[in-house]
Every structure is written in C-alpha cells, then in structure tokens.
Protein backbone atom coordinates (compact mmCIF):
# COMPACT_ATOMS: atom_id res chain seq x y z
CA UNK A 1 24.94 -10.30 73.69
CA UNK A 2 28.47 -9.55 74.88
CA UNK A 3 31.34 -10.30 72.53
CA UNK A 4 33.52 -13.18 73.68
CA UNK A 5 37.29 -12.78 74.08
CA UNK A 6 39.37 -15.97 74.43
CA UNK A 7 42.28 -15.35 76.82
CA UNK A 8 45.29 -17.69 76.96
CA UNK A 9 47.39 -17.35 80.11
CA UNK A 10 49.58 -20.31 81.10
CA UNK A 11 50.37 -21.14 84.72
CA UNK A 12 52.32 -20.69 86.97
CA UNK A 13 51.88 -16.92 87.18
CA UNK A 14 52.78 -13.98 89.40
CA UNK A 15 50.52 -11.80 91.54
CA UNK A 16 51.60 -8.68 89.62
CA UNK A 17 50.76 -10.25 86.30
CA UNK A 18 47.43 -11.51 87.61
CA UNK A 19 46.57 -8.00 88.85
CA UNK A 20 47.51 -6.52 85.48
CA UNK A 21 45.40 -9.12 83.69
CA UNK A 22 42.42 -8.38 85.93
CA UNK A 23 42.68 -4.69 85.02
CA UNK A 24 42.76 -5.48 81.31
CA UNK A 25 39.78 -7.82 81.60
CA UNK A 26 37.85 -5.11 83.43
CA UNK A 27 38.64 -2.74 80.53
CA UNK A 28 37.19 -5.33 78.13
CA UNK A 29 34.04 -5.64 80.22
CA UNK A 30 33.59 -1.89 80.01
CA UNK A 31 33.60 -2.33 76.21
CA UNK A 32 30.81 -4.91 76.40
CA UNK A 33 33.08 -7.96 76.16
CA UNK A 34 33.48 -11.06 78.29
CA UNK A 35 36.54 -13.28 78.62
CA UNK A 36 36.99 -17.05 78.71
CA UNK A 37 40.32 -18.10 80.21
CA UNK A 38 42.41 -21.08 79.10
CA UNK A 39 45.74 -22.29 80.49
CA UNK A 40 46.92 -24.87 77.95
CA UNK A 41 46.33 -25.73 74.27
CA UNK A 42 43.69 -28.33 75.16
CA UNK A 43 41.56 -25.90 77.17
CA UNK A 44 42.11 -23.31 74.44
CA UNK A 45 40.71 -25.76 71.90
CA UNK A 46 37.60 -26.14 74.06
CA UNK A 47 37.11 -22.36 74.31
CA UNK A 48 37.48 -21.92 70.55
CA UNK A 49 35.09 -24.76 69.74
CA UNK A 50 32.42 -24.04 72.35
CA UNK A 51 31.92 -20.37 71.51
CA UNK A 52 32.56 -17.86 68.75
CA UNK A 53 35.30 -15.61 70.16
CA UNK A 54 35.92 -12.39 68.27
CA UNK A 55 39.53 -12.21 69.49
CA UNK A 56 42.20 -14.30 71.16
CA UNK A 57 44.53 -12.57 73.63
CA UNK A 58 47.59 -14.76 74.21
CA UNK A 59 50.19 -14.08 76.91
CA UNK A 60 53.36 -15.61 75.49
CA UNK A 61 56.89 -15.28 76.74
CA UNK A 62 58.06 -17.25 73.70
CA UNK A 63 55.66 -16.51 70.82
CA UNK A 64 57.56 -18.67 68.35
CA UNK A 65 57.48 -21.79 70.48
CA UNK A 66 53.79 -21.73 71.41
CA UNK A 67 51.92 -24.95 70.65
CA UNK A 68 48.65 -23.03 70.61
CA UNK A 69 49.32 -21.70 67.10
CA UNK A 70 48.18 -25.11 65.83
CA UNK A 71 44.79 -24.56 67.49
CA UNK A 72 44.58 -21.09 65.98
CA UNK A 73 45.40 -22.44 62.53
CA UNK A 74 42.79 -25.18 62.87
CA UNK A 75 40.11 -22.71 63.94
CA UNK A 76 40.91 -20.43 61.02
CA UNK A 77 40.96 -23.32 58.59
CA UNK A 78 37.50 -24.24 59.85
CA UNK A 79 36.21 -20.81 58.83
CA UNK A 80 36.60 -18.82 62.05
CA UNK A 81 37.85 -15.25 61.65
CA UNK A 82 40.14 -15.20 64.69
CA UNK A 83 42.49 -12.25 65.15
CA UNK A 84 45.20 -12.79 67.75
CA UNK A 85 46.74 -10.19 70.05
CA UNK A 86 49.97 -11.33 71.70
CA UNK A 87 51.13 -9.90 75.02
CA UNK A 88 54.77 -10.67 75.64
CA UNK A 89 57.50 -9.68 78.04
CA UNK A 90 60.08 -7.01 77.21
CA UNK A 91 62.97 -8.50 75.25
CA UNK A 92 66.60 -7.43 75.05
CA UNK A 93 66.32 -7.13 71.28
CA UNK A 94 63.37 -4.74 71.10
CA UNK A 95 60.81 -5.76 68.51
CA UNK A 96 62.08 -9.31 68.00
CA UNK A 97 59.24 -10.85 70.01
CA UNK A 98 56.71 -8.87 67.98
CA UNK A 99 58.28 -10.01 64.71
CA UNK A 100 58.10 -13.62 65.87
CA UNK A 101 54.49 -13.18 66.97
CA UNK A 102 53.45 -11.73 63.60
CA UNK A 103 55.33 -14.40 61.65
CA UNK A 104 53.68 -17.13 63.72
CA UNK A 105 50.13 -15.91 63.02
CA UNK A 106 49.51 -12.97 65.35
CA UNK A 107 47.81 -9.75 64.26
CA UNK A 108 48.83 -7.43 67.10
CA UNK A 109 51.54 -7.45 69.76
CA UNK A 110 52.10 -5.49 72.98
CA UNK A 111 54.99 -5.68 75.42
CA UNK A 112 54.57 -5.57 79.18
CA UNK A 113 53.85 -3.43 81.06
CA UNK A 114 50.63 -2.93 79.10
CA UNK A 115 48.88 0.43 79.32
CA UNK A 116 45.15 -0.20 79.85
CA UNK A 117 43.94 2.65 77.66
CA UNK A 118 46.26 1.73 74.80
CA UNK A 119 45.21 -1.91 75.15
CA UNK A 120 41.51 -1.00 74.84
CA UNK A 121 42.13 1.14 71.75
CA UNK A 122 44.23 -1.54 70.07
CA UNK A 123 41.60 -4.20 70.75
CA UNK A 124 38.77 -2.12 69.29
CA UNK A 125 40.82 -1.10 66.25
CA UNK A 126 41.90 -4.68 65.61
CA UNK A 127 38.33 -5.97 65.79
CA UNK A 128 37.05 -3.26 63.46
CA UNK A 129 39.84 -3.88 60.94
CA UNK A 130 39.15 -7.62 60.93
CA UNK A 131 35.38 -7.17 60.78
CA UNK A 132 34.76 -8.74 64.20
CA UNK A 133 33.50 -5.58 65.95
CA UNK A 134 30.23 -4.02 64.92
CA UNK A 135 30.09 -0.24 64.62
CA UNK A 136 27.17 0.64 66.88
CA UNK A 137 26.67 3.87 64.93
CA UNK A 138 25.47 1.80 61.96
CA UNK A 139 23.01 -0.36 63.88
CA UNK A 140 19.33 0.13 63.07
CA UNK A 141 17.04 -0.14 66.08
CA UNK A 142 13.25 -0.21 66.37
CA UNK A 143 11.89 -1.08 69.79
CA UNK A 144 13.74 -4.35 70.63
CA UNK A 145 14.58 -5.08 66.99
CA UNK A 146 18.22 -4.52 65.99
CA UNK A 147 19.66 -4.83 62.49
CA UNK A 148 23.39 -4.86 61.82
CA UNK A 149 23.64 -4.11 58.06
CA UNK A 150 27.40 -4.63 57.93
CA UNK A 151 27.19 -8.16 59.30
CA UNK A 152 23.63 -8.76 58.02
CA UNK A 153 22.50 -9.91 61.44
CA UNK A 154 19.16 -9.45 63.19
CA UNK A 155 18.14 -9.73 66.82
CA UNK A 156 15.06 -8.92 68.84
CA UNK A 157 15.08 -8.44 72.59
CA UNK A 158 18.66 -9.71 72.61
CA UNK A 159 17.91 -13.01 70.83
CA UNK A 160 19.35 -13.73 67.39
CA UNK A 161 16.84 -13.95 64.54
CA UNK A 162 18.04 -16.01 61.60
CA UNK A 163 17.12 -14.58 58.21
CA UNK A 164 17.61 -15.64 54.62
CA UNK A 165 19.39 -13.02 52.46
CA UNK A 166 16.14 -11.85 50.82
CA UNK A 167 14.29 -11.77 54.15
CA UNK A 168 17.01 -9.54 55.53
CA UNK A 169 16.80 -7.26 52.48
CA UNK A 170 13.04 -6.87 52.89
CA UNK A 171 13.22 -6.27 56.64
CA UNK A 172 16.03 -3.77 56.13
CA UNK A 173 13.88 -1.88 53.60
CA UNK A 174 10.95 -1.73 56.04
CA UNK A 175 13.19 -0.57 58.90
CA UNK A 176 14.84 2.14 56.82
CA UNK A 177 11.36 3.36 55.89
CA UNK A 178 10.03 3.01 59.43
CA UNK A 179 6.61 4.62 59.86
CA UNK A 180 6.02 4.97 56.13
CA UNK A 181 3.59 2.78 54.19
CA UNK A 182 5.54 0.71 51.66
CA UNK A 183 3.40 -0.30 48.65
CA UNK A 184 3.88 -3.83 47.31
CA UNK A 185 4.97 -2.62 43.86
CA UNK A 186 7.57 -0.33 45.43
CA UNK A 187 8.88 -3.20 47.56
CA UNK A 188 9.16 -5.34 44.43
CA UNK A 189 11.20 -2.63 42.71
CA UNK A 190 13.47 -1.84 45.65
CA UNK A 191 14.02 -5.34 47.07
CA UNK A 192 13.60 -7.64 44.07
CA UNK A 193 14.50 -5.25 41.28
CA UNK A 194 11.22 -5.72 39.43
CA UNK A 195 10.44 -2.65 37.32
CA UNK A 196 6.98 -3.81 36.29
CA UNK A 197 3.95 -5.17 38.11
CA UNK A 198 4.13 -8.94 37.86
CA UNK A 199 1.24 -11.00 39.09
CA UNK A 200 3.02 -12.38 42.13
CA UNK A 201 2.38 -12.70 45.84
CA UNK A 202 6.09 -13.00 46.70
CA UNK A 203 5.95 -9.91 48.94
CA UNK A 204 3.06 -11.30 50.98
CA UNK A 205 4.82 -14.66 51.34
CA UNK A 206 8.04 -13.08 52.58
CA UNK A 207 6.16 -10.76 54.95
CA UNK A 208 4.56 -13.84 56.53
CA UNK A 209 7.97 -15.44 56.95
CA UNK A 210 9.45 -12.34 58.56
CA UNK A 211 6.46 -11.87 60.87
CA UNK A 212 6.82 -15.45 62.09
CA UNK A 213 10.42 -14.70 63.06
CA UNK A 214 10.18 -11.11 64.30
CA UNK A 215 6.66 -10.72 65.74
CA UNK A 216 5.32 -14.18 66.58
CA UNK A 217 4.93 -14.71 70.30
CA UNK A 218 5.75 -11.09 71.14
CA UNK A 219 3.33 -8.66 72.67
CA UNK A 220 4.44 -5.73 70.52
CA UNK A 221 3.95 -6.33 66.80
CA UNK A 222 6.14 -4.26 64.48
CA UNK A 223 5.02 -5.24 60.97
CA UNK A 224 1.52 -4.10 60.03
CA UNK A 225 -0.70 -4.49 56.96
CA UNK A 226 -2.28 -1.38 55.48
CA UNK A 227 -5.25 -2.72 53.53
CA UNK A 228 -5.15 -1.84 49.88
CA UNK A 229 -1.80 -0.09 50.23
CA UNK A 230 1.02 -2.29 51.49
CA UNK A 231 3.00 -2.75 54.69
CA UNK A 232 4.50 -0.55 57.37
CA UNK A 233 6.97 -1.21 60.16
CA UNK A 234 6.18 0.85 63.23
CA UNK A 235 5.84 0.64 66.99
CA UNK A 236 2.15 0.88 67.90
CA UNK A 237 1.07 3.75 70.06
CA UNK A 238 0.22 2.87 73.65
CA UNK A 239 -3.06 1.05 73.77
CA UNK A 240 -3.12 0.07 70.08
CA UNK A 241 -1.95 -3.13 68.41
C-alpha cells in the first residue's frame, strides 16, 4: 500500500506554483507515495481523520499565522505521529520563516524555489527519522507475505494482517528460519523463553491462530506441519501443497 502524504495548499494560487507542486507530487509518487490535497483547515481535518498520513506538506506564506497548526496539534494529541514539512516563500530576513515554522510545530522547512531532488531526500530522511518510513532493506518477504520487524506489521498479498505481539514473534521466528523445520521445544525456548519442556500445547494453539490469518482462504499455504518434528514455513514446490 502506498504511503499517504497530506498536502495543504491554500487557494488562490499561481500557474507557476501549481506546476512546481505537480513536479513535487510526481517525485513523491516515484517514491511510492500518494498525496491528498486540502485547501483549508476544515478539509485538512478531514484528510487527517480519514486516513493515516505519514507526513503533512504545508505551503505557508505565513507559517506563524496558520490556523492549521491547531489541526496538527489535535492529530498529534490523538496519538498520530505527524511530521510536518513547511514550504514557504523566500523572506527578506533569511531563515526567519523557518524559525517561525519550527517554533509553531514544523519539523522541516524549505524555501521556494524548491529543488525536486533535495525535496525527495528531505522527505525520505524526515520520515525515517520520525519512524514513519519503513526501510525496505529490513523487510522480510516470503511469497506474498511481508513482515516489517521495525514496525511489527504483517501483510499478505498487499492486505494488512493484524497480529498479537506473541503471534508476530512466532511468525517472525518461522520466517527467519524459512525452509528449516522448527521443533516445538525450540520454538518454546526462542519465542516464549521456556528452557524446559513443559506439558503445553501453546505452540500448536498459536500456529492455528497464525494459519487462520496468513493461510486461510489462500491457494498457497506457507505454514506446514512436519509430523513428529514441528513446523516449517516454506513455499511449496510447484504441484505440491
């Protein structure tokens, strides 16, 4: 799923500014992001409440006098991690607009004209620093199953799969050991921290829960039982199940 960027751009506007904005939005799309435009604080409130934007880009000629900061504060108070990048016009006192933007609640500030490459780099860096951008190098992928260990999120075939903390830990262990048979006692030690062999079926219960979320209704099953040994996560060879 593409990451959502909220974009605040009040009207009226100029053709040059609209062309510049279109170029910046295209740069975001190339990064796997989509934008949702708002033109006033009320429409901004709708964008923030109807989605989960990873960033707000706000075009502000007067950062200190923007009523939208109240919407930003409310979203953050409600638990949303919402970094804000301000784009402002060049000022006579260089840096003053940036200072005002930071003091008002912004996390990044750029003056027009905005260089597209620099904009892209600043956006990615800001999202990584604030934990809103996943590092694709750390993602674990098996067939259509994707685990994001940093954010403890799971998806399969593009759809989010909700997991309890212990379910995620068990699935993560199976994915890391993809293709290897994981004995029940070893799973108990590694996932639950049990260093003895208690008479418990907790592993089997959790495997059933994970299967119902990851494999149920899908043609390709990833989690397999090895009788008398344990469990293995693997992609079946063509023609097998």
